[in-house]
Amino acid sequence: MTKADIVAEIAVETGVERNDVQKTVEAFMTSIKSALAKNENVYLRGFGSFIVKERAEKTGRNISKNTTIIIPAHNIPSFKPAKTFVDEVKNKVVVK
């Protein structure tokens, strides 16, 4: 399922114009990205959490040059689904 599919489905279910739904979805994603960029976690009850994880510094290898490189510590975004979300997927529950 793509973002366009999600927009189309929401537009059909709510009766809101597609362009308005598109703007809303884009604004939602932008707000999540900006919160994570500020190192703030986003919690959506019943859906899941978008969290920032810290990756430790580690040693890597550049195979083509046969050298060792240091990969610095950095933050990455992560998603942890809520228990109800996981249960619905496991049990193949279709929510409408």
PDB file of N, CA and C in Angstrom:
ATOM      1  N   MET A   1       0.850  -1.168   0.000  1.00  0.00           N
ATOM      2  CA  MET A   1       0.000   0.000   0.000  1.00  0.00           C
ATOM      3  C   MET A   1       0.902   1.239   0.000  1.00  0.00           C
ATOM      4  N   THR A   2       0.596   2.167  -0.873  1.00  0.00           N
ATOM      5  CA  THR A   2       1.382   3.396  -0.989  1.00  0.00           C
ATOM      6  C   THR A   2       0.663   4.555  -0.297  1.00  0.00           C
ATOM      7  N   LYS A   3       1.356   5.675  -0.208  1.00  0.00           N
ATOM      8  CA  LYS A   3       0.741   6.868   0.393  1.00  0.00           C
ATOM      9  C   LYS A   3      -0.485   7.279  -0.423  1.00  0.00           C
ATOM     10  N   ALA A   4      -0.419   7.172  -1.738  1.00  0.00           N
ATOM     11  CA  ALA A   4      -1.560   7.520  -2.586  1.00  0.00           C
ATOM     12  C   ALA A   4      -2.755   6.610  -2.297  1.00  0.00           C
ATOM     13  N   ASP A   5      -2.491   5.330  -2.053  1.00  0.00           N
ATOM     14  CA  ASP A   5      -3.566   4.395  -1.699  1.00  0.00           C
ATOM     15  C   ASP A   5      -4.209   4.772  -0.366  1.00  0.00           C
ATOM     16  N   ILE A   6      -3.374   5.163   0.598  1.00  0.00           N
ATOM     17  CA  ILE A   6      -3.885   5.569   1.908  1.00  0.00           C
ATOM     18  C   ILE A   6      -4.755   6.812   1.767  1.00  0.00           C
ATOM     19  N   VAL A   7      -4.284   7.789   1.005  1.00  0.00           N
ATOM     20  CA  VAL A   7      -5.044   9.024   0.785  1.00  0.00           C
ATOM     21  C   VAL A   7      -6.381   8.708   0.126  1.00  0.00           C
ATOM     22  N   ALA A   8      -6.359   7.853  -0.884  1.00  0.00           N
ATOM     23  CA  ALA A   8      -7.592   7.502  -1.590  1.00  0.00           C
ATOM     24  C   ALA A   8      -8.576   6.795  -0.659  1.00  0.00           C
ATOM     25  N   GLU A   9      -8.086   5.879   0.163  1.00  0.00           N
ATOM     26  CA  GLU A   9      -8.954   5.139   1.075  1.00  0.00           C
ATOM     27  C   GLU A   9      -9.572   6.060   2.128  1.00  0.00           C
ATOM     28  N   ILE A  10      -8.769   6.963   2.683  1.00  0.00           N
ATOM     29  CA  ILE A  10      -9.292   7.902   3.676  1.00  0.00           C
ATOM     30  C   ILE A  10     -10.326   8.823   3.046  1.00  0.00           C
ATOM     31  N   ALA A  11     -10.061   9.275   1.819  1.00  0.00           N
ATOM     32  CA  ALA A  11     -11.000  10.160   1.125  1.00  0.00           C
ATOM     33  C   ALA A  11     -12.342   9.469   0.909  1.00  0.00           C
ATOM     34  N   VAL A  12     -12.318   8.210   0.539  1.00  0.00           N
ATOM     35  CA  VAL A  12     -13.563   7.462   0.315  1.00  0.00           C
ATOM     36  C   VAL A  12     -14.301   7.251   1.637  1.00  0.00           C
ATOM     37  N   GLU A  13     -13.568   6.849   2.694  1.00  0.00           N
ATOM     38  CA  GLU A  13     -14.201   6.553   3.989  1.00  0.00           C
ATOM     39  C   GLU A  13     -14.781   7.793   4.665  1.00  0.00           C
ATOM     40  N   THR A  14     -14.118   8.944   4.517  1.00  0.00           N
ATOM     41  CA  THR A  14     -14.558  10.142   5.236  1.00  0.00           C
ATOM     42  C   THR A  14     -15.395  11.084   4.391  1.00  0.00           C
ATOM     43  N   GLY A  15     -15.298  10.971   3.064  1.00  0.00           N
ATOM     44  CA  GLY A  15     -16.015  11.879   2.188  1.00  0.00           C
ATOM     45  C   GLY A  15     -15.318  13.221   2.032  1.00  0.00           C
ATOM     46  N   VAL A  16     -14.107  13.345   2.555  1.00  0.00           N
ATOM     47  CA  VAL A  16     -13.323  14.572   2.432  1.00  0.00           C
ATOM     48  C   VAL A  16     -12.589  14.548   1.091  1.00  0.00           C
ATOM     49  N   GLU A  17     -12.408  15.718   0.495  1.00  0.00           N
ATOM     50  CA  GLU A  17     -11.735  15.781  -0.802  1.00  0.00           C
ATOM     51  C   GLU A  17     -10.319  15.231  -0.713  1.00  0.00           C
ATOM     52  N   ARG A  18      -9.911  14.627  -1.809  1.00  0.00           N
ATOM     53  CA  ARG A  18      -8.606  13.965  -1.865  1.00  0.00           C
ATOM     54  C   ARG A  18      -7.452  14.928  -1.580  1.00  0.00           C
ATOM     55  N   ASN A  19      -7.531  16.141  -2.116  1.00  0.00           N
ATOM     56  CA  ASN A  19      -6.457  17.116  -1.899  1.00  0.00           C
ATOM     57  C   ASN A  19      -6.335  17.493  -0.428  1.00  0.00           C
ATOM     58  N   ASP A  20      -7.459  17.624   0.254  1.00  0.00           N
ATOM     59  CA  ASP A  20      -7.439  17.946   1.679  1.00  0.00           C
ATOM     60  C   ASP A  20      -6.839  16.804   2.490  1.00  0.00           C
ATOM     61  N   VAL A  21      -7.200  15.576   2.126  1.00  0.00           N
ATOM     62  CA  VAL A  21      -6.646  14.406   2.807  1.00  0.00           C
ATOM     63  C   VAL A  21      -5.136  14.334   2.560  1.00  0.00           C
ATOM     64  N   GLN A  22      -4.719  14.610   1.328  1.00  0.00           N
ATOM     65  CA  GLN A  22      -3.288  14.592   0.977  1.00  0.00           C
ATOM     66  C   GLN A  22      -2.517  15.583   1.849  1.00  0.00           C
ATOM     67  N   LYS A  23      -3.047  16.797   1.983  1.00  0.00           N
ATOM     68  CA  LYS A  23      -2.390  17.819   2.811  1.00  0.00           C
ATOM     69  C   LYS A  23      -2.320  17.377   4.273  1.00  0.00           C
ATOM     70  N   THR A  24      -3.384  16.756   4.753  1.00  0.00           N
ATOM     71  CA  THR A  24      -3.416  16.295   6.138  1.00  0.00           C
ATOM     72  C   THR A  24      -2.389  15.191   6.380  1.00  0.00           C
ATOM     73  N   VAL A  25      -2.324  14.231   5.484  1.00  0.00           N
ATOM     74  CA  VAL A  25      -1.353  13.141   5.617  1.00  0.00           C
ATOM     75  C   VAL A  25       0.072  13.687   5.558  1.00  0.00           C
ATOM     76  N   GLU A  26       0.326  14.600   4.627  1.00  0.00           N
ATOM     77  CA  GLU A  26       1.658  15.213   4.521  1.00  0.00           C
ATOM     78  C   GLU A  26       2.009  15.976   5.798  1.00  0.00           C
ATOM     79  N   ALA A  27       1.048  16.732   6.349  1.00  0.00           N
ATOM     80  CA  ALA A  27       1.292  17.486   7.576  1.00  0.00           C
ATOM     81  C   ALA A  27       1.555  16.545   8.747  1.00  0.00           C
ATOM     82  N   PHE A  28       0.831  15.442   8.796  1.00  0.00           N
ATOM     83  CA  PHE A  28       1.033  14.437   9.845  1.00  0.00           C
ATOM     84  C   PHE A  28       2.449  13.876   9.789  1.00  0.00           C
ATOM     85  N   MET A  29       2.876  13.495   8.605  1.00  0.00           N
ATOM     86  CA  MET A  29       4.221  12.924   8.450  1.00  0.00           C
ATOM     87  C   MET A  29       5.299  13.960   8.752  1.00  0.00           C
ATOM     88  N   THR A  30       5.082  15.197   8.338  1.00  0.00           N
ATOM     89  CA  THR A  30       6.047  16.267   8.605  1.00  0.00           C
ATOM     90  C   THR A  30       6.172  16.520  10.101  1.00  0.00           C
ATOM     91  N   SER A  31       5.052  16.521  10.812  1.00  0.00           N
ATOM     92  CA  SER A  31       5.101  16.769  12.255  1.00  0.00           C
ATOM     93  C   SER A  31       5.820  15.638  12.985  1.00  0.00           C
ATOM     94  N   ILE A  32       5.636  14.403  12.551  1.00  0.00           N
ATOM     95  CA  ILE A  32       6.356  13.279  13.159  1.00  0.00           C
ATOM     96  C   ILE A  32       7.850  13.405  12.887  1.00  0.00           C
ATOM     97  N   LYS A  33       8.217  13.705  11.642  1.00  0.00           N
ATOM     98  CA  LYS A  33       9.637  13.844  11.299  1.00  0.00           C
ATOM     99  C   LYS A  33      10.295  14.978  12.069  1.00  0.00           C
ATOM    100  N   SER A  34       9.602  16.110  12.211  1.00  0.00           N
ATOM    101  CA  SER A  34      10.205  17.236  12.924  1.00  0.00           C
ATOM    102  C   SER A  34      10.337  16.934  14.412  1.00  0.00           C
ATOM    103  N   ALA A  35       9.380  16.223  14.992  1.00  0.00           N
ATOM    104  CA  ALA A  35       9.483  15.840  16.407  1.00  0.00           C
ATOM    105  C   ALA A  35      10.673  14.905  16.619  1.00  0.00           C
ATOM    106  N   LEU A  36      10.837  13.934  15.744  1.00  0.00           N
ATOM    107  CA  LEU A  36      11.965  13.009  15.866  1.00  0.00           C
ATOM    108  C   LEU A  36      13.290  13.724  15.647  1.00  0.00           C
ATOM    109  N   ALA A  37      13.322  14.707  14.748  1.00  0.00           N
ATOM    110  CA  ALA A  37      14.545  15.477  14.515  1.00  0.00           C
ATOM    111  C   ALA A  37      14.932  16.265  15.759  1.00  0.00           C
ATOM    112  N   LYS A  38      13.939  16.649  16.574  1.00  0.00           N
ATOM    113  CA  LYS A  38      14.194  17.366  17.830  1.00  0.00           C
ATOM    114  C   LYS A  38      14.451  16.389  18.973  1.00  0.00           C
ATOM    115  N   ASN A  39      14.583  15.117  18.652  1.00  0.00           N
ATOM    116  CA  ASN A  39      14.835  14.062  19.632  1.00  0.00           C
ATOM    117  C   ASN A  39      13.644  13.840  20.566  1.00  0.00           C
ATOM    118  N   GLU A  40      12.438  14.100  20.076  1.00  0.00           N
ATOM    119  CA  GLU A  40      11.208  13.872  20.837  1.00  0.00           C
ATOM    120  C   GLU A  40      10.513  12.631  20.281  1.00  0.00           C
ATOM    121  N   ASN A  41      10.027  11.786  21.163  1.00  0.00           N
ATOM    122  CA  ASN A  41       9.285  10.611  20.739  1.00  0.00           C
ATOM    123  C   ASN A  41       7.825  10.984  20.502  1.00  0.00           C
ATOM    124  N   VAL A  42       7.145  10.227  19.624  1.00  0.00           N
ATOM    125  CA  VAL A  42       5.738  10.454  19.310  1.00  0.00           C
ATOM    126  C   VAL A  42       4.964   9.196  19.692  1.00  0.00           C
ATOM    127  N   TYR A  43       3.977   9.355  20.579  1.00  0.00           N
ATOM    128  CA  TYR A  43       3.189   8.227  21.063  1.00  0.00           C
ATOM    129  C   TYR A  43       1.757   8.335  20.542  1.00  0.00           C
ATOM    130  N   LEU A  44       1.305   7.313  19.824  1.00  0.00           N
ATOM    131  CA  LEU A  44      -0.059   7.260  19.310  1.00  0.00           C
ATOM    132  C   LEU A  44      -0.745   6.051  19.958  1.00  0.00           C
ATOM    133  N   ARG A  45      -1.555   6.315  20.966  1.00  0.00           N
ATOM    134  CA  ARG A  45      -2.199   5.254  21.740  1.00  0.00           C
ATOM    135  C   ARG A  45      -3.004   4.327  20.825  1.00  0.00           C
ATOM    136  N   GLY A  46      -2.790   3.042  20.972  1.00  0.00           N
ATOM    137  CA  GLY A  46      -3.497   2.042  20.181  1.00  0.00           C
ATOM    138  C   GLY A  46      -2.863   1.785  18.826  1.00  0.00           C
ATOM    139  N   PHE A  47      -1.882   2.591  18.440  1.00  0.00           N
ATOM    140  CA  PHE A  47      -1.214   2.410  17.151  1.00  0.00           C
ATOM    141  C   PHE A  47       0.245   2.045  17.361  1.00  0.00           C
ATOM    142  N   GLY A  48       0.991   2.922  18.042  1.00  0.00           N
ATOM    143  CA  GLY A  48       2.399   2.635  18.292  1.00  0.00           C
ATOM    144  C   GLY A  48       3.162   3.898  18.608  1.00  0.00           C
ATOM    145  N   SER A  49       4.473   3.745  18.707  1.00  0.00           N
ATOM    146  CA  SER A  49       5.344   4.856  19.063  1.00  0.00           C
ATOM    147  C   SER A  49       6.450   5.011  18.031  1.00  0.00           C
ATOM    148  N   PHE A  50       6.650   6.256  17.616  1.00  0.00           N
ATOM    149  CA  PHE A  50       7.796   6.595  16.788  1.00  0.00           C
ATOM    150  C   PHE A  50       8.850   7.100  17.758  1.00  0.00           C
ATOM    151  N   ILE A  51       9.973   6.401  17.851  1.00  0.00           N
ATOM    152  CA  ILE A  51      10.981   6.739  18.844  1.00  0.00           C
ATOM    153  C   ILE A  51      12.334   6.950  18.179  1.00  0.00           C
ATOM    154  N   VAL A  52      13.206   7.646  18.903  1.00  0.00           N
ATOM    155  CA  VAL A  52      14.571   7.881  18.440  1.00  0.00           C
ATOM    156  C   VAL A  52      15.475   6.930  19.205  1.00  0.00           C
ATOM    157  N   LYS A  53      16.236   6.127  18.461  1.00  0.00           N
ATOM    158  CA  LYS A  53      17.178   5.201  19.083  1.00  0.00           C
ATOM    159  C   LYS A  53      18.595   5.688  18.821  1.00  0.00           C
ATOM    160  N   GLU A  54      19.457   5.496  19.794  1.00  0.00           N
ATOM    161  CA  GLU A  54      20.856   5.880  19.647  1.00  0.00           C
ATOM    162  C   GLU A  54      21.660   4.643  19.265  1.00  0.00           C
ATOM    163  N   ARG A  55      22.390   4.753  18.180  1.00  0.00           N
ATOM    164  CA  ARG A  55      23.302   3.696  17.765  1.00  0.00           C
ATOM    165  C   ARG A  55      24.687   4.041  18.283  1.00  0.00           C
ATOM    166  N   ALA A  56      25.333   3.094  18.903  1.00  0.00           N
ATOM    167  CA  ALA A  56      26.665   3.314  19.462  1.00  0.00           C
ATOM    168  C   ALA A  56      27.714   3.373  18.352  1.00  0.00           C
ATOM    169  N   GLU A  57      28.846   3.975  18.671  1.00  0.00           N
ATOM    170  CA  GLU A  57      29.967   3.999  17.727  1.00  0.00           C
ATOM    171  C   GLU A  57      30.454   2.577  17.513  1.00  0.00           C
ATOM    172  N   LYS A  58      30.816   2.257  16.282  1.00  0.00           N
ATOM    173  CA  LYS A  58      31.315   0.904  16.015  1.00  0.00           C
ATOM    174  C   LYS A  58      32.358   0.935  14.923  1.00  0.00           C
ATOM    175  N   THR A  59      33.062  -0.157  14.785  1.00  0.00           N
ATOM    176  CA  THR A  59      34.095  -0.304  13.765  1.00  0.00           C
ATOM    177  C   THR A  59      33.506  -1.064  12.588  1.00  0.00           C
ATOM    178  N   GLY A  60      33.727  -0.528  11.390  1.00  0.00           N
ATOM    179  CA  GLY A  60      33.254  -1.173  10.179  1.00  0.00           C
ATOM    180  C   GLY A  60      34.403  -1.430   9.226  1.00  0.00           C
ATOM    181  N   ARG A  61      34.099  -2.077   8.119  1.00  0.00           N
ATOM    182  CA  ARG A  61      35.134  -2.377   7.138  1.00  0.00           C
ATOM    183  C   ARG A  61      34.725  -1.866   5.771  1.00  0.00           C
ATOM    184  N   ASN A  62      35.680  -1.248   5.079  1.00  0.00           N
ATOM    185  CA  ASN A  62      35.495  -0.887   3.689  1.00  0.00           C
ATOM    186  C   ASN A  62      36.125  -2.018   2.895  1.00  0.00           C
ATOM    187  N   ILE A  63      35.307  -2.894   2.371  1.00  0.00           N
ATOM    188  CA  ILE A  63      35.788  -4.119   1.734  1.00  0.00           C
ATOM    189  C   ILE A  63      36.600  -3.816   0.475  1.00  0.00           C
ATOM    190  N   SER A  64      36.168  -2.812  -0.306  1.00  0.00           N
ATOM    191  CA  SER A  64      36.866  -2.523  -1.560  1.00  0.00           C
ATOM    192  C   SER A  64      38.287  -2.014  -1.327  1.00  0.00           C
ATOM    193  N   LYS A  65      38.509  -1.258  -0.245  1.00  0.00           N
ATOM    194  CA  LYS A  65      39.850  -0.731   0.049  1.00  0.00           C
ATOM    195  C   LYS A  65      40.555  -1.544   1.128  1.00  0.00           C
ATOM    196  N   ASN A  66      39.863  -2.510   1.708  1.00  0.00           N
ATOM    197  CA  ASN A  66      40.398  -3.354   2.766  1.00  0.00           C
ATOM    198  C   ASN A  66      40.920  -2.520   3.935  1.00  0.00           C
ATOM    199  N   THR A  67      40.095  -1.554   4.371  1.00  0.00           N
ATOM    200  CA  THR A  67      40.470  -0.697   5.493  1.00  0.00           C
ATOM    201  C   THR A  67      39.391  -0.746   6.570  1.00  0.00           C
ATOM    202  N   THR A  68      39.775  -0.345   7.745  1.00  0.00           N
ATOM    203  CA  THR A  68      38.845  -0.255   8.868  1.00  0.00           C
ATOM    204  C   THR A  68      38.392   1.190   9.005  1.00  0.00           C
ATOM    205  N   ILE A  69      37.092   1.368   9.237  1.00  0.00           N
ATOM    206  CA  ILE A  69      36.561   2.715   9.435  1.00  0.00           C
ATOM    207  C   ILE A  69      35.778   2.756  10.740  1.00  0.00           C
ATOM    208  N   ILE A  70      35.715   3.919  11.341  1.00  0.00           N
ATOM    209  CA  ILE A  70      34.931   4.112  12.559  1.00  0.00           C
ATOM    210  C   ILE A  70      33.599   4.741  12.151  1.00  0.00           C
ATOM    211  N   ILE A  71      32.523   4.079  12.497  1.00  0.00           N
ATOM    212  CA  ILE A  71      31.179   4.617  12.246  1.00  0.00           C
ATOM    213  C   ILE A  71      30.758   5.322  13.530  1.00  0.00           C
ATOM    214  N   PRO A  72      30.577   6.653  13.482  1.00  0.00           N
ATOM    215  CA  PRO A  72      30.271   7.389  14.714  1.00  0.00           C
ATOM    216  C   PRO A  72      28.882   7.055  15.271  1.00  0.00           C
ATOM    217  N   ALA A  73      28.693   7.340  16.548  1.00  0.00           N
ATOM    218  CA  ALA A  73      27.379   7.162  17.171  1.00  0.00           C
ATOM    219  C   ALA A  73      26.386   8.100  16.482  1.00  0.00           C
ATOM    220  N   HIS A  74      25.166   7.620  16.302  1.00  0.00           N
ATOM    221  CA  HIS A  74      24.150   8.436  15.641  1.00  0.00           C
ATOM    222  C   HIS A  74      22.753   7.981  16.069  1.00  0.00           C
ATOM    223  N   ASN A  75      21.789   8.850  15.838  1.00  0.00           N
ATOM    224  CA  ASN A  75      20.395   8.546  16.158  1.00  0.00           C
ATOM    225  C   ASN A  75      19.672   8.076  14.908  1.00  0.00           C
ATOM    226  N   ILE A  76      18.749   7.120  15.092  1.00  0.00           N
ATOM    227  CA  ILE A  76      17.921   6.652  13.988  1.00  0.00           C
ATOM    228  C   ILE A  76      16.461   6.600  14.446  1.00  0.00           C
ATOM    229  N   PRO A  77      15.527   6.843  13.527  1.00  0.00           N
ATOM    230  CA  PRO A  77      14.111   6.720  13.893  1.00  0.00           C
ATOM    231  C   PRO A  77      13.710   5.247  13.919  1.00  0.00           C
ATOM    232  N   SER A  78      12.753   4.944  14.765  1.00  0.00           N
ATOM    233  CA  SER A  78      12.274   3.580  14.886  1.00  0.00           C
ATOM    234  C   SER A  78      10.784   3.615  15.197  1.00  0.00           C
ATOM    235  N   PHE A  79      10.081   2.538  14.856  1.00  0.00           N
ATOM    236  CA  PHE A  79       8.658   2.437  15.162  1.00  0.00           C
ATOM    237  C   PHE A  79       8.426   1.193  15.989  1.00  0.00           C
ATOM    238  N   LYS A  80       7.708   1.353  17.091  1.00  0.00           N
ATOM    239  CA  LYS A  80       7.340   0.224  17.935  1.00  0.00           C
ATOM    240  C   LYS A  80       5.818   0.145  17.970  1.00  0.00           C
ATOM    241  N   PRO A  81       5.226  -0.887  17.379  1.00  0.00           N
ATOM    242  CA  PRO A  81       3.764  -0.977  17.358  1.00  0.00           C
ATOM    243  C   PRO A  81       3.192  -1.253  18.741  1.00  0.00           C
ATOM    244  N   ALA A  82       1.968  -0.772  18.963  1.00  0.00           N
ATOM    245  CA  ALA A  82       1.254  -1.027  20.216  1.00  0.00           C
ATOM    246  C   ALA A  82       0.829  -2.486  20.273  1.00  0.00           C
ATOM    247  N   LYS A  83       0.604  -2.976  21.485  1.00  0.00           N
ATOM    248  CA  LYS A  83       0.210  -4.375  21.656  1.00  0.00           C
ATOM    249  C   LYS A  83      -1.081  -4.685  20.903  1.00  0.00           C
ATOM    250  N   THR A  84      -2.059  -3.765  20.950  1.00  0.00           N
ATOM    251  CA  THR A  84      -3.318  -4.009  20.241  1.00  0.00           C
ATOM    252  C   THR A  84      -3.092  -4.075  18.733  1.00  0.00           C
ATOM    253  N   PHE A  85      -2.175  -3.252  18.215  1.00  0.00           N
ATOM    254  CA  PHE A  85      -1.823  -3.257  16.801  1.00  0.00           C
ATOM    255  C   PHE A  85      -1.254  -4.631  16.422  1.00  0.00           C
ATOM    256  N   VAL A  86      -0.317  -5.118  17.226  1.00  0.00           N
ATOM    257  CA  VAL A  86       0.326  -6.410  16.959  1.00  0.00           C
ATOM    258  C   VAL A  86      -0.707  -7.535  16.999  1.00  0.00           C
ATOM    259  N   ASP A  87      -1.593  -7.497  17.984  1.00  0.00           N
ATOM    260  CA  ASP A  87      -2.619  -8.533  18.102  1.00  0.00           C
ATOM    261  C   ASP A  87      -3.553  -8.535  16.900  1.00  0.00           C
ATOM    262  N   GLU A  88      -3.945  -7.346  16.425  1.00  0.00           N
ATOM    263  CA  GLU A  88      -4.828  -7.254  15.256  1.00  0.00           C
ATOM    264  C   GLU A  88      -4.154  -7.813  14.006  1.00  0.00           C
ATOM    265  N   VAL A  89      -2.869  -7.557  13.849  1.00  0.00           N
ATOM    266  CA  VAL A  89      -2.158  -8.093  12.685  1.00  0.00           C
ATOM    267  C   VAL A  89      -2.006  -9.608  12.801  1.00  0.00           C
ATOM    268  N   LYS A  90      -1.671 -10.094  14.003  1.00  0.00           N
ATOM    269  CA  LYS A  90      -1.525 -11.532  14.203  1.00  0.00           C
ATOM    270  C   LYS A  90      -2.823 -12.285  13.919  1.00  0.00           C
ATOM    271  N   ASN A  91      -3.938 -11.692  14.372  1.00  0.00           N
ATOM    272  CA  ASN A  91      -5.237 -12.342  14.211  1.00  0.00           C
ATOM    273  C   ASN A  91      -5.950 -11.952  12.921  1.00  0.00           C
ATOM    274  N   LYS A  92      -5.270 -11.176  12.091  1.00  0.00           N
ATOM    275  CA  LYS A  92      -5.803 -10.743  10.793  1.00  0.00           C
ATOM    276  C   LYS A  92      -7.154 -10.055  10.938  1.00  0.00           C
ATOM    277  N   VAL A  93      -7.254  -9.170  11.940  1.00  0.00           N
ATOM    278  CA  VAL A  93      -8.478  -8.414  12.185  1.00  0.00           C
ATOM    279  C   VAL A  93      -8.475  -7.209  11.261  1.00  0.00           C
ATOM    280  N   VAL A  94      -9.541  -7.049  10.478  1.00  0.00           N
ATOM    281  CA  VAL A  94      -9.692  -5.918   9.586  1.00  0.00           C
ATOM    282  C   VAL A  94     -10.568  -4.883  10.291  1.00  0.00           C
ATOM    283  N   VAL A  95      -9.981  -3.726  10.583  1.00  0.00           N
ATOM    284  CA  VAL A  95     -10.696  -2.669  11.293  1.00  0.00           C
ATOM    285  C   VAL A  95     -11.239  -1.685  10.279  1.00  0.00           C
ATOM    286  N   LYS A  96     -12.504  -1.408  10.335  1.00  0.00           N
ATOM    287  CA  LYS A  96     -13.132  -0.432   9.407  1.00  0.00           C
ATOM    288  C   LYS A  96     -13.873   0.585  10.186  1.00  0.00           C
TER     289      LYS A  96
END
